[in-house]
Amino acid sequence: MLGIVGTIPDENFPLITGTVRLEEDHIIIDNHSVHVNRGTPALIAAAVKTLKYINQPDPYCYLVGDIGTGEGSVHLYQHLAANIMETPCNALVFHYFQPEVRLFKKVIAAIAKMPDKPILIADAGFMYVAKMGGDAPFFDLFTPDAGELAYLADEKAPHPFYTRGFILHEDNLVPELIKRAYQHHNAAAHLLVKGAKDYVADENGIISVIDEPVEEALEAIGGTGDTLTGIVSALVASGMEIKEASAKAARINRLAGFYARPTPATQIYDIIKQIPRALDEVLGDDSWGEIIL
């Protein structure tokens, strides 16, 4: 089962754990309904669509409201440190979080004690705090964009705000940033770097590059990085090897965007609706069973 940890941009949203389902463009957990626009709700919706297609159960989520004050994140860190060992999940993806190294360390310590450590995936704030704590190698997959990768690649930056200017986050510099992140032990075992080209890499270098189809209108639509993280997390939780899942997820996310025929008015759920069609094409094509370079 896939576990998803993240925040909802609503200060009145309580700390809730449980299975999440999707009803049209809303995720439903307990008696709460959240509109899918971007952020963690978009990640969850993409994961639910993917899991349903491959006959896997709906994800188990750990959610709390946080509008950037960090108050909700603190409650969630504390809950995870005390309860994460009881998780029913074989894979956990951590998403939007306010970085708090001291509490993060407690969560990591609890996971390290588990007899069967789940596969750990991190994006956004939780990826930042993993690097801040010097624990990036504890994770199995990071899913940064080029800007987030620049922070991982800067061994001296204590916070994304302080990423040094000479470490540019331009797409054509991604291969060098990947190399630098691994050189300084600030990357997970695998990287799926999101951008104009999507890169799958590990400590030995770039494994695959996925750059088709191209839909320039997608650049203006928030949430496409969240959907990619949701898709790859679902595939990994199903038992697919991380490198293969990363390459296929990148292709699936691009195809879903292509099939949505995006315009500047397109919403992220319009793309999420196309994920089953994209899954059908990619998972039904044996040639995508091989990692390409």
C-alpha atoms as a PDB file:
ATOM      1  CA  MET A   1       0.000   0.000   0.000  1.00  0.00           C
ATOM      2  CA  LEU A   2       1.166   3.524  -0.793  1.00  0.00           C
ATOM      3  CA  GLY A   3       1.351   6.058   2.036  1.00  0.00           C
ATOM      4  CA  ILE A   4       1.212   9.802   1.351  1.00  0.00           C
ATOM      5  CA  VAL A   5       2.303  12.451   3.855  1.00  0.00           C
ATOM      6  CA  GLY A   6       1.576  16.117   3.190  1.00  0.00           C
ATOM      7  CA  THR A   7      -0.259  19.308   3.998  1.00  0.00           C
ATOM      8  CA  ILE A   8      -3.510  20.949   2.928  1.00  0.00           C
ATOM      9  CA  PRO A   9      -3.490  24.764   2.490  1.00  0.00           C
ATOM     10  CA  ASP A  10      -6.303  25.267   5.024  1.00  0.00           C
ATOM     11  CA  GLU A  11      -5.441  26.216   8.617  1.00  0.00           C
ATOM     12  CA  ASN A  12      -8.700  24.672   9.839  1.00  0.00           C
ATOM     13  CA  PHE A  13      -7.997  21.261   8.305  1.00  0.00           C
ATOM     14  CA  PRO A  14      -7.289  18.881  11.241  1.00  0.00           C
ATOM     15  CA  LEU A  15      -4.628  16.190  11.435  1.00  0.00           C
ATOM     16  CA  ILE A  16      -6.252  13.171   9.770  1.00  0.00           C
ATOM     17  CA  THR A  17      -4.957   9.727   8.850  1.00  0.00           C
ATOM     18  CA  GLY A  18      -6.737   7.168   6.748  1.00  0.00           C
ATOM     19  CA  THR A  19      -7.549   5.901   3.287  1.00  0.00           C
ATOM     20  CA  VAL A  20      -8.337   8.514   0.657  1.00  0.00           C
ATOM     21  CA  ARG A  21     -10.654   8.140  -2.320  1.00  0.00           C
ATOM     22  CA  LEU A  22     -11.342  10.376  -5.292  1.00  0.00           C
ATOM     23  CA  GLU A  23     -14.808  11.708  -6.181  1.00  0.00           C
ATOM     24  CA  GLU A  24     -14.663  13.728  -9.396  1.00  0.00           C
ATOM     25  CA  ASP A  25     -12.285  16.638  -8.671  1.00  0.00           C
ATOM     26  CA  HIS A  26     -12.224  16.216  -4.879  1.00  0.00           C
ATOM     27  CA  ILE A  27     -10.273  13.903  -2.592  1.00  0.00           C
ATOM     28  CA  ILE A  28     -12.282  12.457   0.291  1.00  0.00           C
ATOM     29  CA  ILE A  29     -10.774  11.473   3.652  1.00  0.00           C
ATOM     30  CA  ASP A  30     -12.911  10.783   6.714  1.00  0.00           C
ATOM     31  CA  ASN A  31     -15.733  13.320   6.321  1.00  0.00           C
ATOM     32  CA  HIS A  32     -13.529  15.960   4.688  1.00  0.00           C
ATOM     33  CA  SER A  33     -13.560  16.921   1.016  1.00  0.00           C
ATOM     34  CA  VAL A  34     -10.678  18.835  -0.600  1.00  0.00           C
ATOM     35  CA  HIS A  35     -10.713  20.294  -4.102  1.00  0.00           C
ATOM     36  CA  VAL A  36      -7.918  19.040  -6.351  1.00  0.00           C
ATOM     37  CA  ASN A  37      -6.045  21.990  -7.763  1.00  0.00           C
ATOM     38  CA  ARG A  38      -2.334  21.596  -7.018  1.00  0.00           C
ATOM     39  CA  GLY A  39       0.025  20.584  -4.227  1.00  0.00           C
ATOM     40  CA  THR A  40      -0.567  17.465  -2.146  1.00  0.00           C
ATOM     41  CA  PRO A  41      -4.235  17.056  -3.273  1.00  0.00           C
ATOM     42  CA  ALA A  42      -3.018  16.878  -6.905  1.00  0.00           C
ATOM     43  CA  LEU A  43      -0.352  14.319  -5.943  1.00  0.00           C
ATOM     44  CA  ILE A  44      -2.997  12.217  -4.151  1.00  0.00           C
ATOM     45  CA  ALA A  45      -5.458  12.393  -7.066  1.00  0.00           C
ATOM     46  CA  ALA A  46      -2.793  11.303  -9.570  1.00  0.00           C
ATOM     47  CA  ALA A  47      -1.771   8.441  -7.284  1.00  0.00           C
ATOM     48  CA  VAL A  48      -5.398   7.291  -6.851  1.00  0.00           C
ATOM     49  CA  LYS A  49      -5.941   7.262 -10.634  1.00  0.00           C
ATOM     50  CA  THR A  50      -2.750   5.252 -11.147  1.00  0.00           C
ATOM     51  CA  LEU A  51      -3.408   2.788  -8.322  1.00  0.00           C
ATOM     52  CA  LYS A  52      -6.948   2.128  -9.532  1.00  0.00           C
ATOM     53  CA  TYR A  53      -5.695   1.372 -13.040  1.00  0.00           C
ATOM     54  CA  ILE A  54      -3.191  -1.206 -11.771  1.00  0.00           C
ATOM     55  CA  ASN A  55      -5.689  -2.747  -9.316  1.00  0.00           C
ATOM     56  CA  GLN A  56      -3.962  -1.528  -6.175  1.00  0.00           C
ATOM     57  CA  PRO A  57      -5.714  -0.190  -3.039  1.00  0.00           C
ATOM     58  CA  ASP A  58      -6.336   3.503  -2.463  1.00  0.00           C
ATOM     59  CA  PRO A  59      -3.477   5.249  -0.632  1.00  0.00           C
ATOM     60  CA  TYR A  60      -3.268   5.702   3.128  1.00  0.00           C
ATOM     61  CA  CYS A  61      -2.681   9.379   3.893  1.00  0.00           C
ATOM     62  CA  TYR A  62      -1.307  11.455   6.754  1.00  0.00           C
ATOM     63  CA  LEU A  63      -2.614  15.011   6.245  1.00  0.00           C
ATOM     64  CA  VAL A  64      -2.783  18.246   8.187  1.00  0.00           C
ATOM     65  CA  GLY A  65      -3.703  21.857   7.429  1.00  0.00           C
ATOM     66  CA  ASP A  66      -0.789  24.286   7.110  1.00  0.00           C
ATOM     67  CA  ILE A  67      -0.832  27.669   5.371  1.00  0.00           C
ATOM     68  CA  GLY A  68       2.894  28.240   5.765  1.00  0.00           C
ATOM     69  CA  THR A  69       3.108  28.982   9.469  1.00  0.00           C
ATOM     70  CA  GLY A  70       4.549  25.534  10.167  1.00  0.00           C
ATOM     71  CA  GLU A  71       2.110  24.904  13.015  1.00  0.00           C
ATOM     72  CA  GLY A  72       0.326  22.066  11.256  1.00  0.00           C
ATOM     73  CA  SER A  73       3.617  20.560  10.076  1.00  0.00           C
ATOM     74  CA  VAL A  74       4.872  20.398  13.676  1.00  0.00           C
ATOM     75  CA  HIS A  75       1.795  18.408  14.721  1.00  0.00           C
ATOM     76  CA  LEU A  76       2.284  16.033  11.804  1.00  0.00           C
ATOM     77  CA  TYR A  77       6.006  15.515  12.540  1.00  0.00           C
ATOM     78  CA  GLN A  78       5.107  14.643  16.132  1.00  0.00           C
ATOM     79  CA  HIS A  79       2.362  12.258  15.050  1.00  0.00           C
ATOM     80  CA  LEU A  80       4.674  10.504  12.574  1.00  0.00           C
ATOM     81  CA  ALA A  81       7.507  10.136  15.095  1.00  0.00           C
ATOM     82  CA  ALA A  82       5.104   8.413  17.502  1.00  0.00           C
ATOM     83  CA  ASN A  83       3.115   6.333  15.019  1.00  0.00           C
ATOM     84  CA  ILE A  84       4.962   5.783  11.744  1.00  0.00           C
ATOM     85  CA  MET A  85       6.210   2.357  12.865  1.00  0.00           C
ATOM     86  CA  GLU A  86       2.586   1.158  12.661  1.00  0.00           C
ATOM     87  CA  THR A  87       2.143   2.241   9.046  1.00  0.00           C
ATOM     88  CA  PRO A  88       0.546  -0.360   6.767  1.00  0.00           C
ATOM     89  CA  CYS A  89       2.507   0.995   3.788  1.00  0.00           C
ATOM     90  CA  ASN A  90       5.385  -0.543   1.804  1.00  0.00           C
ATOM     91  CA  ALA A  91       6.175   2.821   0.207  1.00  0.00           C
ATOM     92  CA  LEU A  92       5.870   6.328   1.661  1.00  0.00           C
ATOM     93  CA  VAL A  93       5.979   9.618  -0.216  1.00  0.00           C
ATOM     94  CA  PHE A  94       6.582  12.820   1.757  1.00  0.00           C
ATOM     95  CA  HIS A  95       5.446  16.059   0.118  1.00  0.00           C
ATOM     96  CA  TYR A  96       4.772  19.662   1.214  1.00  0.00           C
ATOM     97  CA  PHE A  97       6.116  20.235   4.731  1.00  0.00           C
ATOM     98  CA  GLN A  98       7.671  23.117   6.601  1.00  0.00           C
ATOM     99  CA  PRO A  99      11.307  22.047   7.169  1.00  0.00           C
ATOM    100  CA  GLU A 100      12.082  21.411  10.854  1.00  0.00           C
ATOM    101  CA  VAL A 101      15.288  19.424  11.216  1.00  0.00           C
ATOM    102  CA  ARG A 102      14.951  18.427  14.881  1.00  0.00           C
ATOM    103  CA  LEU A 103      11.506  16.872  14.414  1.00  0.00           C
ATOM    104  CA  PHE A 104      12.470  15.425  11.037  1.00  0.00           C
ATOM    105  CA  LYS A 105      15.317  13.549  12.749  1.00  0.00           C
ATOM    106  CA  LYS A 106      12.822  11.957  15.135  1.00  0.00           C
ATOM    107  CA  VAL A 107      10.716  10.711  12.218  1.00  0.00           C
ATOM    108  CA  ILE A 108      13.774   9.279  10.481  1.00  0.00           C
ATOM    109  CA  ALA A 109      14.920   7.591  13.698  1.00  0.00           C
ATOM    110  CA  ALA A 110      11.521   5.922  14.043  1.00  0.00           C
ATOM    111  CA  ILE A 111      11.603   4.671  10.434  1.00  0.00           C
ATOM    112  CA  ALA A 112      15.151   3.332  10.900  1.00  0.00           C
ATOM    113  CA  LYS A 113      13.876   1.074  13.688  1.00  0.00           C
ATOM    114  CA  MET A 114      11.250  -0.568  11.485  1.00  0.00           C
ATOM    115  CA  PRO A 115      12.031  -4.223  10.699  1.00  0.00           C
ATOM    116  CA  ASP A 116      10.937  -3.673   7.082  1.00  0.00           C
ATOM    117  CA  LYS A 117      11.814  -0.147   6.068  1.00  0.00           C
ATOM    118  CA  PRO A 118       9.347   1.151   3.469  1.00  0.00           C
ATOM    119  CA  ILE A 119      10.587   2.649   0.202  1.00  0.00           C
ATOM    120  CA  LEU A 120      10.991   6.363   0.901  1.00  0.00           C
ATOM    121  CA  ILE A 121      10.188   9.047  -1.669  1.00  0.00           C
ATOM    122  CA  ALA A 122      10.435  12.793  -1.006  1.00  0.00           C
ATOM    123  CA  ASP A 123       9.513  15.948  -2.872  1.00  0.00           C
ATOM    124  CA  ALA A 124       9.261  19.662  -2.027  1.00  0.00           C
ATOM    125  CA  GLY A 125       9.678  20.628   1.656  1.00  0.00           C
ATOM    126  CA  PHE A 126      10.461  17.173   2.924  1.00  0.00           C
ATOM    127  CA  MET A 127      13.217  16.830   0.338  1.00  0.00           C
ATOM    128  CA  TYR A 128      14.651  20.118   1.579  1.00  0.00           C
ATOM    129  CA  VAL A 129      14.684  19.039   5.218  1.00  0.00           C
ATOM    130  CA  ALA A 130      16.261  15.693   4.311  1.00  0.00           C
ATOM    131  CA  LYS A 131      19.163  17.576   2.746  1.00  0.00           C
ATOM    132  CA  MET A 132      19.338  20.040   5.654  1.00  0.00           C
ATOM    133  CA  GLY A 133      19.602  17.125   8.084  1.00  0.00           C
ATOM    134  CA  GLY A 134      22.291  15.359   6.049  1.00  0.00           C
ATOM    135  CA  ASP A 135      19.933  12.420   5.512  1.00  0.00           C
ATOM    136  CA  ALA A 136      19.321  12.539   1.752  1.00  0.00           C
ATOM    137  CA  PRO A 137      20.968   9.103   1.169  1.00  0.00           C
ATOM    138  CA  PHE A 138      18.431   7.565   3.609  1.00  0.00           C
ATOM    139  CA  PHE A 139      15.794   8.065   0.889  1.00  0.00           C
ATOM    140  CA  ASP A 140      15.215   5.944  -2.198  1.00  0.00           C
ATOM    141  CA  LEU A 141      13.889   8.612  -4.581  1.00  0.00           C
ATOM    142  CA  PHE A 142      13.803  12.406  -4.775  1.00  0.00           C
ATOM    143  CA  THR A 143      11.657  14.164  -7.412  1.00  0.00           C
ATOM    144  CA  PRO A 144      13.050  17.720  -7.705  1.00  0.00           C
ATOM    145  CA  ASP A 145      12.614  20.287 -10.455  1.00  0.00           C
ATOM    146  CA  ALA A 146      15.696  22.163 -11.707  1.00  0.00           C
ATOM    147  CA  GLY A 147      15.412  24.858  -9.019  1.00  0.00           C
ATOM    148  CA  GLU A 148      15.126  22.325  -6.217  1.00  0.00           C
ATOM    149  CA  LEU A 149      18.006  20.353  -7.722  1.00  0.00           C
ATOM    150  CA  ALA A 150      20.202  23.480  -7.607  1.00  0.00           C
ATOM    151  CA  TYR A 151      19.668  23.591  -3.837  1.00  0.00           C
ATOM    152  CA  LEU A 152      20.569  19.902  -3.517  1.00  0.00           C
ATOM    153  CA  ALA A 153      23.686  20.524  -5.611  1.00  0.00           C
ATOM    154  CA  ASP A 154      24.900  23.414  -3.415  1.00  0.00           C
ATOM    155  CA  GLU A 155      26.714  21.722  -0.577  1.00  0.00           C
ATOM    156  CA  LYS A 156      27.049  25.007   1.335  1.00  0.00           C
ATOM    157  CA  ALA A 157      23.459  26.259   1.118  1.00  0.00           C
ATOM    158  CA  PRO A 158      21.687  25.738   4.472  1.00  0.00           C
ATOM    159  CA  HIS A 159      18.315  26.715   2.966  1.00  0.00           C
ATOM    160  CA  PRO A 160      16.940  27.088  -0.592  1.00  0.00           C
ATOM    161  CA  PHE A 161      16.963  30.866  -0.120  1.00  0.00           C
ATOM    162  CA  TYR A 162      20.753  30.720   0.091  1.00  0.00           C
ATOM    163  CA  THR A 163      21.512  28.659  -2.993  1.00  0.00           C
ATOM    164  CA  ARG A 164      24.546  30.370  -4.433  1.00  0.00           C
ATOM    165  CA  GLY A 165      24.002  32.353  -7.608  1.00  0.00           C
ATOM    166  CA  PHE A 166      26.668  30.613  -9.650  1.00  0.00           C
ATOM    167  CA  ILE A 167      24.746  27.336  -9.335  1.00  0.00           C
ATOM    168  CA  LEU A 168      22.176  28.139 -11.987  1.00  0.00           C
ATOM    169  CA  HIS A 169      19.011  26.103 -12.262  1.00  0.00           C
ATOM    170  CA  GLU A 170      18.768  26.148 -16.045  1.00  0.00           C
ATOM    171  CA  ASP A 171      17.535  22.974 -17.689  1.00  0.00           C
ATOM    172  CA  ASN A 172      20.688  22.545 -19.788  1.00  0.00           C
ATOM    173  CA  LEU A 173      22.750  22.401 -16.582  1.00  0.00           C
ATOM    174  CA  VAL A 174      20.728  19.583 -15.006  1.00  0.00           C
ATOM    175  CA  PRO A 175      23.319  16.846 -15.761  1.00  0.00           C
ATOM    176  CA  GLU A 176      26.030  18.844 -13.966  1.00  0.00           C
ATOM    177  CA  LEU A 177      23.713  19.561 -11.014  1.00  0.00           C
ATOM    178  CA  ILE A 178      22.887  15.856 -10.690  1.00  0.00           C
ATOM    179  CA  LYS A 179      26.594  14.995 -10.622  1.00  0.00           C
ATOM    180  CA  ARG A 180      27.281  17.659  -8.006  1.00  0.00           C
ATOM    181  CA  ALA A 181      24.371  16.571  -5.761  1.00  0.00           C
ATOM    182  CA  TYR A 182      25.707  13.015  -5.653  1.00  0.00           C
ATOM    183  CA  GLN A 183      29.296  14.188  -5.223  1.00  0.00           C
ATOM    184  CA  HIS A 184      28.317  15.909  -1.967  1.00  0.00           C
ATOM    185  CA  HIS A 185      25.921  13.158  -0.778  1.00  0.00           C
ATOM    186  CA  ASN A 186      22.867  15.387  -1.054  1.00  0.00           C
ATOM    187  CA  ALA A 187      20.766  13.144  -3.281  1.00  0.00           C
ATOM    188  CA  ALA A 188      18.585  10.103  -2.690  1.00  0.00           C
ATOM    189  CA  ALA A 189      19.556   6.736  -4.177  1.00  0.00           C
ATOM    190  CA  HIS A 190      17.593   7.762  -7.284  1.00  0.00           C
ATOM    191  CA  LEU A 191      16.580  11.094  -8.774  1.00  0.00           C
ATOM    192  CA  LEU A 192      13.661  11.878 -11.075  1.00  0.00           C
ATOM    193  CA  VAL A 193      14.311  15.464 -12.177  1.00  0.00           C
ATOM    194  CA  LYS A 194      11.254  17.206 -13.624  1.00  0.00           C
ATOM    195  CA  GLY A 195      11.512  19.818 -16.369  1.00  0.00           C
ATOM    196  CA  ALA A 196      11.563  20.493 -20.105  1.00  0.00           C
ATOM    197  CA  LYS A 197      13.375  17.156 -20.169  1.00  0.00           C
ATOM    198  CA  ASP A 198      12.806  14.636 -17.392  1.00  0.00           C
ATOM    199  CA  TYR A 199      15.937  12.863 -16.123  1.00  0.00           C
ATOM    200  CA  VAL A 200      16.246   9.588 -14.225  1.00  0.00           C
ATOM    201  CA  ALA A 201      19.602   9.225 -12.471  1.00  0.00           C
ATOM    202  CA  ASP A 202      21.528   7.514  -9.719  1.00  0.00           C
ATOM    203  CA  GLU A 203      25.027   7.874  -8.311  1.00  0.00           C
ATOM    204  CA  ASN A 204      26.493   6.398 -11.500  1.00  0.00           C
ATOM    205  CA  GLY A 205      24.965   9.078 -13.707  1.00  0.00           C
ATOM    206  CA  ILE A 206      21.954   9.679 -15.918  1.00  0.00           C
ATOM    207  CA  ILE A 207      20.004   6.539 -16.753  1.00  0.00           C
ATOM    208  CA  SER A 208      17.266   7.884 -19.008  1.00  0.00           C
ATOM    209  CA  VAL A 209      15.960  11.099 -20.497  1.00  0.00           C
ATOM    210  CA  ILE A 210      12.271  11.501 -21.345  1.00  0.00           C
ATOM    211  CA  ASP A 211      11.437  14.527 -23.483  1.00  0.00           C
ATOM    212  CA  GLU A 212       8.358  13.597 -25.509  1.00  0.00           C
ATOM    213  CA  PRO A 213       5.648  14.549 -26.084  1.00  0.00           C
ATOM    214  CA  VAL A 214       6.238  18.285 -25.657  1.00  0.00           C
ATOM    215  CA  GLU A 215       3.345  20.557 -24.642  1.00  0.00           C
ATOM    216  CA  GLU A 216       4.607  24.070 -24.001  1.00  0.00           C
ATOM    217  CA  ALA A 217       1.229  25.128 -22.545  1.00  0.00           C
ATOM    218  CA  LEU A 218       1.869  22.784 -19.609  1.00  0.00           C
ATOM    219  CA  GLU A 219       4.598  25.086 -18.314  1.00  0.00           C
ATOM    220  CA  ALA A 220       1.956  27.568 -17.149  1.00  0.00           C
ATOM    221  CA  ILE A 221      -0.218  24.949 -15.409  1.00  0.00           C
ATOM    222  CA  GLY A 222       0.611  24.482 -11.754  1.00  0.00           C
ATOM    223  CA  GLY A 223       0.653  20.976 -10.343  1.00  0.00           C
ATOM    224  CA  THR A 224       2.195  18.913 -13.158  1.00  0.00           C
ATOM    225  CA  GLY A 225       5.218  18.171 -10.968  1.00  0.00           C
ATOM    226  CA  ASP A 226       2.883  17.037  -8.194  1.00  0.00           C
ATOM    227  CA  THR A 227       1.088  14.641 -10.556  1.00  0.00           C
ATOM    228  CA  LEU A 228       4.398  13.151 -11.711  1.00  0.00           C
ATOM    229  CA  THR A 229       5.398  12.441  -8.103  1.00  0.00           C
ATOM    230  CA  GLY A 230       1.995  10.853  -7.490  1.00  0.00           C
ATOM    231  CA  ILE A 231       2.266   8.588 -10.528  1.00  0.00           C
ATOM    232  CA  VAL A 232       5.798   7.361  -9.815  1.00  0.00           C
ATOM    233  CA  SER A 233       4.974   6.769  -6.144  1.00  0.00           C
ATOM    234  CA  ALA A 234       1.995   4.606  -7.086  1.00  0.00           C
ATOM    235  CA  LEU A 235       4.049   2.554  -9.551  1.00  0.00           C
ATOM    236  CA  VAL A 236       6.826   2.030  -6.998  1.00  0.00           C
ATOM    237  CA  ALA A 237       4.316   0.960  -4.327  1.00  0.00           C
ATOM    238  CA  SER A 238       2.946  -1.633  -6.766  1.00  0.00           C
ATOM    239  CA  GLY A 239       6.347  -3.316  -6.839  1.00  0.00           C
ATOM    240  CA  MET A 240       7.837  -1.779  -9.974  1.00  0.00           C
ATOM    241  CA  GLU A 241      11.586  -1.146  -9.810  1.00  0.00           C
ATOM    242  CA  ILE A 242      12.349   2.540  -9.127  1.00  0.00           C
ATOM    243  CA  LYS A 243      14.302   3.271 -12.325  1.00  0.00           C
ATOM    244  CA  GLU A 244      11.657   1.699 -14.525  1.00  0.00           C
ATOM    245  CA  ALA A 245       8.830   3.370 -12.587  1.00  0.00           C
ATOM    246  CA  SER A 246      10.503   6.769 -12.895  1.00  0.00           C
ATOM    247  CA  ALA A 247      10.974   6.562 -16.658  1.00  0.00           C
ATOM    248  CA  LYS A 248       7.439   5.291 -17.207  1.00  0.00           C
ATOM    249  CA  ALA A 249       5.894   7.862 -14.885  1.00  0.00           C
ATOM    250  CA  ALA A 250       7.605  10.691 -16.749  1.00  0.00           C
ATOM    251  CA  ARG A 251       6.224   9.394 -20.037  1.00  0.00           C
ATOM    252  CA  ILE A 252       2.737   8.868 -18.550  1.00  0.00           C
ATOM    253  CA  ASN A 253       2.642  12.394 -17.099  1.00  0.00           C
ATOM    254  CA  ARG A 254       3.652  13.911 -20.422  1.00  0.00           C
ATOM    255  CA  LEU A 255       1.080  11.885 -22.345  1.00  0.00           C
ATOM    256  CA  ALA A 256      -1.676  12.838 -19.886  1.00  0.00           C
ATOM    257  CA  GLY A 257      -0.819  16.486 -20.507  1.00  0.00           C
ATOM    258  CA  PHE A 258      -0.792  15.919 -24.253  1.00  0.00           C
ATOM    259  CA  TYR A 259      -4.195  14.207 -24.221  1.00  0.00           C
ATOM    260  CA  ALA A 260      -5.699  17.046 -22.149  1.00  0.00           C
ATOM    261  CA  ARG A 261      -5.042  19.405 -25.087  1.00  0.00           C
ATOM    262  CA  PRO A 262      -3.923  22.080 -22.646  1.00  0.00           C
ATOM    263  CA  THR A 263      -4.594  25.799 -22.910  1.00  0.00           C
ATOM    264  CA  PRO A 264      -3.757  28.515 -20.343  1.00  0.00           C
ATOM    265  CA  ALA A 265      -7.216  27.854 -18.861  1.00  0.00           C
ATOM    266  CA  THR A 266      -6.599  24.144 -18.299  1.00  0.00           C
ATOM    267  CA  GLN A 267      -6.800  22.971 -14.683  1.00  0.00           C
ATOM    268  CA  ILE A 268      -4.643  20.207 -13.216  1.00  0.00           C
ATOM    269  CA  TYR A 269      -7.632  17.885 -12.831  1.00  0.00           C
ATOM    270  CA  ASP A 270      -8.168  18.048 -16.616  1.00  0.00           C
ATOM    271  CA  ILE A 271      -4.743  16.386 -16.906  1.00  0.00           C
ATOM    272  CA  ILE A 272      -5.327  13.910 -14.073  1.00  0.00           C
ATOM    273  CA  LYS A 273      -8.434  12.641 -15.886  1.00  0.00           C
ATOM    274  CA  GLN A 274      -6.190  11.574 -18.785  1.00  0.00           C
ATOM    275  CA  ILE A 275      -3.827   9.466 -16.645  1.00  0.00           C
ATOM    276  CA  PRO A 276      -5.660   6.142 -17.256  1.00  0.00           C
ATOM    277  CA  ARG A 277      -5.414   6.661 -21.035  1.00  0.00           C
ATOM    278  CA  ALA A 278      -1.705   7.436 -20.727  1.00  0.00           C
ATOM    279  CA  LEU A 279      -1.175   4.404 -18.464  1.00  0.00           C
ATOM    280  CA  ASP A 280      -2.895   2.224 -21.028  1.00  0.00           C
ATOM    281  CA  GLU A 281      -0.478   3.373 -23.711  1.00  0.00           C
ATOM    282  CA  VAL A 282       2.754   3.168 -21.703  1.00  0.00           C
ATOM    283  CA  LEU A 283       2.111   0.015 -19.679  1.00  0.00           C
ATOM    284  CA  GLY A 284       0.801  -1.710 -22.775  1.00  0.00           C
ATOM    285  CA  ASP A 285       3.981  -0.952 -24.724  1.00  0.00           C
ATOM    286  CA  ASP A 286       6.673  -3.541 -24.007  1.00  0.00           C
ATOM    287  CA  SER A 287       9.368  -1.252 -25.387  1.00  0.00           C
ATOM    288  CA  TRP A 288       8.878   0.936 -22.308  1.00  0.00           C
ATOM    289  CA  GLY A 289       9.911  -2.009 -20.160  1.00  0.00           C
ATOM    290  CA  GLU A 290      13.490  -1.147 -21.022  1.00  0.00           C
ATOM    291  CA  ILE A 291      15.233   1.886 -19.629  1.00  0.00           C
ATOM    292  CA  ILE A 292      16.290   4.186 -22.441  1.00  0.00           C
ATOM    293  CA  LEU A 293      19.218   6.587 -22.606  1.00  0.00           C
END
